[in-house]
Protein backbone atom coordinates (compact mmCIF):
# COMPACT_ATOMS: atom_id res chain seq x y z
CA MET A 1 64.84 -50.58 105.05
CA LYS A 2 64.02 -46.96 104.59
CA VAL A 3 62.44 -46.76 108.05
CA PRO A 4 64.25 -48.47 110.97
CA LEU A 5 62.77 -51.69 112.34
CA GLU A 6 60.17 -51.05 115.05
CA ILE A 7 59.70 -53.64 117.80
CA ALA A 8 56.94 -53.41 120.43
CA PHE A 9 56.28 -55.65 123.42
CA LYS A 10 52.88 -55.75 125.12
CA GLY A 11 52.58 -57.79 128.28
CA VAL A 12 55.94 -59.44 127.52
CA ARG A 13 59.23 -58.63 129.18
CA ASN A 14 61.70 -57.21 126.66
CA THR A 15 64.90 -59.26 126.75
CA ASP A 16 68.08 -58.76 124.75
CA GLU A 17 67.84 -62.33 123.44
CA LEU A 18 64.32 -61.83 122.11
CA GLU A 19 65.14 -58.51 120.51
CA THR A 20 68.29 -59.96 118.92
CA LEU A 21 66.28 -62.88 117.53
CA ILE A 22 63.72 -60.51 115.98
CA ARG A 23 66.44 -58.29 114.50
CA ASP A 24 68.26 -61.32 113.03
CA GLU A 25 65.05 -62.59 111.41
CA ALA A 26 64.30 -59.12 110.01
CA ALA A 27 67.82 -59.00 108.56
CA LYS A 28 67.10 -62.31 106.78
CA LEU A 29 63.93 -60.81 105.31
CA GLU A 30 65.89 -57.80 104.12
CA ARG A 31 68.41 -60.05 102.33
CA VAL A 32 65.59 -61.74 100.42
CA CYS A 33 63.62 -58.55 99.74
CA ASP A 34 65.95 -55.54 99.87
CA TYR A 35 63.24 -53.03 98.93
CA ILE A 36 61.21 -53.25 102.16
CA SER A 37 60.10 -49.74 103.14
CA SER A 38 59.21 -50.45 106.77
CA CYS A 39 58.75 -53.32 109.18
CA ARG A 40 56.99 -53.37 112.54
CA VAL A 41 56.97 -56.38 114.87
CA ILE A 42 54.59 -56.63 117.82
CA VAL A 43 54.94 -59.39 120.42
CA GLU A 44 52.17 -59.62 122.99
CA ARG A 45 50.73 -61.97 125.54
CA PRO A 46 46.95 -61.81 125.09
CA GLN A 47 45.89 -63.84 128.14
CA ARG A 48 47.61 -64.73 131.35
CA HIS A 49 45.72 -67.91 132.26
CA GLN A 50 47.00 -70.06 129.37
CA GLU A 51 49.64 -72.48 130.67
CA VAL A 52 50.08 -74.94 127.80
CA GLY A 53 51.25 -74.17 124.27
CA ASN A 54 52.58 -70.94 122.85
CA PRO A 55 50.94 -68.12 124.84
CA TYR A 56 52.31 -65.32 122.62
CA ARG A 57 50.81 -63.45 119.68
CA VAL A 58 53.21 -62.09 117.05
CA ARG A 59 52.25 -59.63 114.32
CA ILE A 60 54.53 -58.40 111.53
CA ASP A 61 53.50 -55.40 109.42
CA MET A 62 55.67 -54.70 106.39
CA THR A 63 55.33 -52.11 103.66
CA VAL A 64 56.87 -52.61 100.24
CA PRO A 65 56.76 -50.29 97.22
CA PRO A 66 54.53 -49.05 95.71
CA GLY A 67 52.69 -48.85 99.05
CA HIS A 68 51.61 -52.47 99.48
CA GLU A 69 51.16 -53.58 103.08
CA LEU A 70 51.81 -57.17 104.12
CA VAL A 71 50.56 -58.40 107.51
CA VAL A 72 51.47 -61.73 109.08
CA ARG A 73 49.87 -62.75 112.35
CA ARG A 74 50.47 -65.82 114.50
CA GLU A 75 47.91 -66.47 117.21
CA PRO A 76 48.23 -68.87 120.15
CA SER A 77 46.82 -72.25 119.20
């Protein structure tokens, strides 16, 4: 990547395990698509009262040449 991977946590405690997992997955993406310009990952917990299921929202913003932006978002179900 031309720009280093950016990871942001909102309402979620940043742990070494979680950050390592995100960096490993980003490295896999870079092996498949070695021309990624930038990648930003945001992990957030949108609501505190949910107790069942996956309470986290994950958003990945990637930019690839010639300036195309790809956004993937996973919402709690």
